[in-house]
Amino acid sequence: DDDVDVASLLSDVEALRSAQQRATTRLEEVQSQIFDLVRPHKKELLTTYQKASQLRAEITGLGEKLRAAASAASDAQQSFLRKQEDLDGYEACLRRQVGVVDASATTLDAIAEMADATA
């Protein structure tokens, strides 16, 4: 370590400190410029953010309403399908009853013909 040039190291350290100070100063200038650009629009940005929050809440509410409506529609469809099945069952029952009544009428007609023939 006898070859170390202390004066050179101190000079390098001072150069780094100076570069750091210039970078810090430039960073502060840029931050100030950004704040100066944003400051006039701060109220507008806050208003826009508030509107976005309100819209987000409204959209969430509408989504919940749509899910509820979809659920109600699904329930109504299921109810309709159950009623349709019931009606199909009633129709089949009525057709059978019509068949029984028709068969009874045919039987009664045959009995009436037999009665006429024997009279």
C-alpha atoms as a PDB file:
ATOM      1  CA  ASP A   1       0.000   0.000   0.000  1.00  0.00           C
ATOM      2  CA  ASP A   2       3.076   2.256  -0.210  1.00  0.00           C
ATOM      3  CA  ASP A   3       2.176   2.957  -3.864  1.00  0.00           C
ATOM      4  CA  VAL A   4      -1.129   4.638  -2.953  1.00  0.00           C
ATOM      5  CA  ASP A   5      -1.178   8.303  -3.881  1.00  0.00           C
ATOM      6  CA  VAL A   6      -3.193   9.903  -1.085  1.00  0.00           C
ATOM      7  CA  ALA A   7      -3.379  13.264  -2.832  1.00  0.00           C
ATOM      8  CA  SER A   8      -4.826  11.590  -5.949  1.00  0.00           C
ATOM      9  CA  LEU A   9      -7.420   9.725  -3.866  1.00  0.00           C
ATOM     10  CA  LEU A  10      -8.412  12.937  -2.067  1.00  0.00           C
ATOM     11  CA  SER A  11      -8.709  14.683  -5.423  1.00  0.00           C
ATOM     12  CA  ASP A  12     -10.914  11.851  -6.752  1.00  0.00           C
ATOM     13  CA  VAL A  13     -13.096  12.011  -3.631  1.00  0.00           C
ATOM     14  CA  GLU A  14     -13.483  15.772  -4.040  1.00  0.00           C
ATOM     15  CA  ALA A  15     -14.360  15.342  -7.727  1.00  0.00           C
ATOM     16  CA  LEU A  16     -17.003  12.738  -6.803  1.00  0.00           C
ATOM     17  CA  ARG A  17     -18.457  15.046  -4.135  1.00  0.00           C
ATOM     18  CA  SER A  18     -18.597  17.857  -6.646  1.00  0.00           C
ATOM     19  CA  ALA A  19     -20.292  15.613  -9.253  1.00  0.00           C
ATOM     20  CA  GLN A  20     -22.751  14.426  -6.595  1.00  0.00           C
ATOM     21  CA  GLN A  21     -23.546  18.028  -5.649  1.00  0.00           C
ATOM     22  CA  ARG A  22     -24.109  18.980  -9.315  1.00  0.00           C
ATOM     23  CA  ALA A  23     -26.381  15.944  -9.800  1.00  0.00           C
ATOM     24  CA  THR A  24     -28.312  16.794  -6.630  1.00  0.00           C
ATOM     25  CA  THR A  25     -28.693  20.405  -7.753  1.00  0.00           C
ATOM     26  CA  ARG A  26     -29.889  19.314 -11.206  1.00  0.00           C
ATOM     27  CA  LEU A  27     -32.328  16.838  -9.652  1.00  0.00           C
ATOM     28  CA  GLU A  28     -33.769  19.600  -7.453  1.00  0.00           C
ATOM     29  CA  GLU A  29     -34.115  21.853 -10.531  1.00  0.00           C
ATOM     30  CA  VAL A  30     -35.957  19.116 -12.459  1.00  0.00           C
ATOM     31  CA  GLN A  31     -38.221  18.401  -9.479  1.00  0.00           C
ATOM     32  CA  SER A  32     -38.993  22.096  -9.212  1.00  0.00           C
ATOM     33  CA  GLN A  33     -39.823  22.235 -12.926  1.00  0.00           C
ATOM     34  CA  ILE A  34     -42.109  19.212 -12.583  1.00  0.00           C
ATOM     35  CA  PHE A  35     -43.888  20.752  -9.592  1.00  0.00           C
ATOM     36  CA  ASP A  36     -44.240  24.045 -11.510  1.00  0.00           C
ATOM     37  CA  LEU A  37     -45.794  22.167 -14.442  1.00  0.00           C
ATOM     38  CA  VAL A  38     -48.144  20.122 -12.248  1.00  0.00           C
ATOM     39  CA  ARG A  39     -49.166  22.846  -9.787  1.00  0.00           C
ATOM     40  CA  PRO A  40     -51.593  24.679 -12.158  1.00  0.00           C
ATOM     41  CA  HIS A  41     -53.264  21.366 -12.972  1.00  0.00           C
ATOM     42  CA  LYS A  42     -53.344  20.016  -9.428  1.00  0.00           C
ATOM     43  CA  LYS A  43     -57.010  20.919  -8.899  1.00  0.00           C
ATOM     44  CA  GLU A  44     -57.925  19.437 -12.278  1.00  0.00           C
ATOM     45  CA  LEU A  45     -55.976  16.262 -11.501  1.00  0.00           C
ATOM     46  CA  LEU A  46     -57.688  15.917  -8.125  1.00  0.00           C
ATOM     47  CA  THR A  47     -61.089  16.481  -9.714  1.00  0.00           C
ATOM     48  CA  THR A  48     -60.320  13.899 -12.383  1.00  0.00           C
ATOM     49  CA  TYR A  49     -59.174  11.435  -9.735  1.00  0.00           C
ATOM     50  CA  GLN A  50     -62.371  12.011  -7.745  1.00  0.00           C
ATOM     51  CA  LYS A  51     -64.495  11.521 -10.875  1.00  0.00           C
ATOM     52  CA  ALA A  52     -62.596   8.339 -11.657  1.00  0.00           C
ATOM     53  CA  SER A  53     -63.250   7.094  -8.128  1.00  0.00           C
ATOM     54  CA  GLN A  54     -66.951   7.905  -8.458  1.00  0.00           C
ATOM     55  CA  LEU A  55     -67.120   6.170 -11.839  1.00  0.00           C
ATOM     56  CA  ARG A  56     -65.360   3.140 -10.406  1.00  0.00           C
ATOM     57  CA  ALA A  57     -67.943   2.995  -7.613  1.00  0.00           C
ATOM     58  CA  GLU A  58     -70.817   3.423 -10.091  1.00  0.00           C
ATOM     59  CA  ILE A  59     -69.412   0.718 -12.363  1.00  0.00           C
ATOM     60  CA  THR A  60     -69.045  -1.615  -9.397  1.00  0.00           C
ATOM     61  CA  GLY A  61     -72.660  -0.896  -8.425  1.00  0.00           C
ATOM     62  CA  LEU A  62     -73.852  -1.487 -11.974  1.00  0.00           C
ATOM     63  CA  GLY A  63     -71.909  -4.741 -12.088  1.00  0.00           C
ATOM     64  CA  GLU A  64     -73.655  -5.883  -8.927  1.00  0.00           C
ATOM     65  CA  LYS A  65     -77.034  -4.900 -10.379  1.00  0.00           C
ATOM     66  CA  LEU A  66     -76.245  -6.770 -13.601  1.00  0.00           C
ATOM     67  CA  ARG A  67     -75.236  -9.875 -11.663  1.00  0.00           C
ATOM     68  CA  ALA A  68     -78.473  -9.652  -9.658  1.00  0.00           C
ATOM     69  CA  ALA A  69     -80.508  -9.182 -12.869  1.00  0.00           C
ATOM     70  CA  ALA A  70     -78.738 -12.129 -14.511  1.00  0.00           C
ATOM     71  CA  SER A  71     -79.469 -14.265 -11.459  1.00  0.00           C
ATOM     72  CA  ALA A  72     -83.130 -13.202 -11.486  1.00  0.00           C
ATOM     73  CA  ALA A  73     -83.345 -13.926 -15.222  1.00  0.00           C
ATOM     74  CA  SER A  74     -81.825 -17.349 -14.674  1.00  0.00           C
ATOM     75  CA  ASP A  75     -84.310 -18.039 -11.869  1.00  0.00           C
ATOM     76  CA  ALA A  76     -87.191 -16.882 -14.100  1.00  0.00           C
ATOM     77  CA  GLN A  77     -85.946 -19.101 -16.923  1.00  0.00           C
ATOM     78  CA  GLN A  78     -85.752 -22.106 -14.597  1.00  0.00           C
ATOM     79  CA  SER A  79     -89.267 -21.348 -13.335  1.00  0.00           C
ATOM     80  CA  PHE A  80     -90.513 -21.035 -16.921  1.00  0.00           C
ATOM     81  CA  LEU A  81     -88.906 -24.359 -17.850  1.00  0.00           C
ATOM     82  CA  ARG A  82     -90.497 -26.050 -14.819  1.00  0.00           C
ATOM     83  CA  LYS A  83     -93.896 -24.595 -15.795  1.00  0.00           C
ATOM     84  CA  GLN A  84     -93.343 -25.705 -19.380  1.00  0.00           C
ATOM     85  CA  GLU A  85     -92.634 -29.234 -18.150  1.00  0.00           C
ATOM     86  CA  ASP A  86     -95.789 -29.084 -16.035  1.00  0.00           C
ATOM     87  CA  LEU A  87     -97.802 -27.893 -19.056  1.00  0.00           C
ATOM     88  CA  ASP A  88     -96.335 -30.664 -21.183  1.00  0.00           C
ATOM     89  CA  GLY A  89     -97.440 -33.131 -18.492  1.00  0.00           C
ATOM     90  CA  TYR A  90    -100.926 -31.592 -18.382  1.00  0.00           C
ATOM     91  CA  GLU A  91    -101.146 -31.759 -22.175  1.00  0.00           C
ATOM     92  CA  ALA A  92    -100.208 -35.454 -22.177  1.00  0.00           C
ATOM     93  CA  CYS A  93    -102.767 -36.098 -19.441  1.00  0.00           C
ATOM     94  CA  LEU A  94    -105.476 -34.236 -21.382  1.00  0.00           C
ATOM     95  CA  ARG A  95    -104.633 -36.190 -24.535  1.00  0.00           C
ATOM     96  CA  ARG A  96    -105.018 -39.442 -22.593  1.00  0.00           C
ATOM     97  CA  GLN A  97    -108.340 -38.223 -21.168  1.00  0.00           C
ATOM     98  CA  VAL A  98    -109.519 -37.260 -24.654  1.00  0.00           C
ATOM     99  CA  GLY A  99    -108.538 -40.758 -25.783  1.00  0.00           C
ATOM    100  CA  VAL A 100    -110.504 -42.289 -22.899  1.00  0.00           C
ATOM    101  CA  VAL A 101    -113.539 -40.093 -23.659  1.00  0.00           C
ATOM    102  CA  ASP A 102    -113.275 -40.961 -27.351  1.00  0.00           C
ATOM    103  CA  ALA A 103    -113.049 -44.673 -26.523  1.00  0.00           C
ATOM    104  CA  SER A 104    -116.031 -44.304 -24.166  1.00  0.00           C
ATOM    105  CA  ALA A 105    -118.019 -42.543 -26.887  1.00  0.00           C
ATOM    106  CA  THR A 106    -117.170 -45.303 -29.334  1.00  0.00           C
ATOM    107  CA  THR A 107    -118.226 -47.882 -26.748  1.00  0.00           C
ATOM    108  CA  LEU A 108    -121.470 -46.016 -26.078  1.00  0.00           C
ATOM    109  CA  ASP A 109    -122.140 -45.812 -29.827  1.00  0.00           C
ATOM    110  CA  ALA A 110    -121.612 -49.577 -30.106  1.00  0.00           C
ATOM    111  CA  ILE A 111    -123.936 -50.191 -27.128  1.00  0.00           C
ATOM    112  CA  ALA A 112    -126.537 -47.926 -28.694  1.00  0.00           C
ATOM    113  CA  GLU A 113    -126.309 -49.813 -31.999  1.00  0.00           C
ATOM    114  CA  MET A 114    -126.675 -53.120 -30.123  1.00  0.00           C
ATOM    115  CA  ALA A 115    -129.700 -51.747 -28.293  1.00  0.00           C
ATOM    116  CA  ASP A 116    -131.232 -50.604 -31.586  1.00  0.00           C
ATOM    117  CA  ALA A 117    -130.553 -53.965 -33.136  1.00  0.00           C
ATOM    118  CA  THR A 118    -132.192 -55.853 -30.275  1.00  0.00           C
ATOM    119  CA  ALA A 119    -135.188 -53.580 -30.051  1.00  0.00           C
END
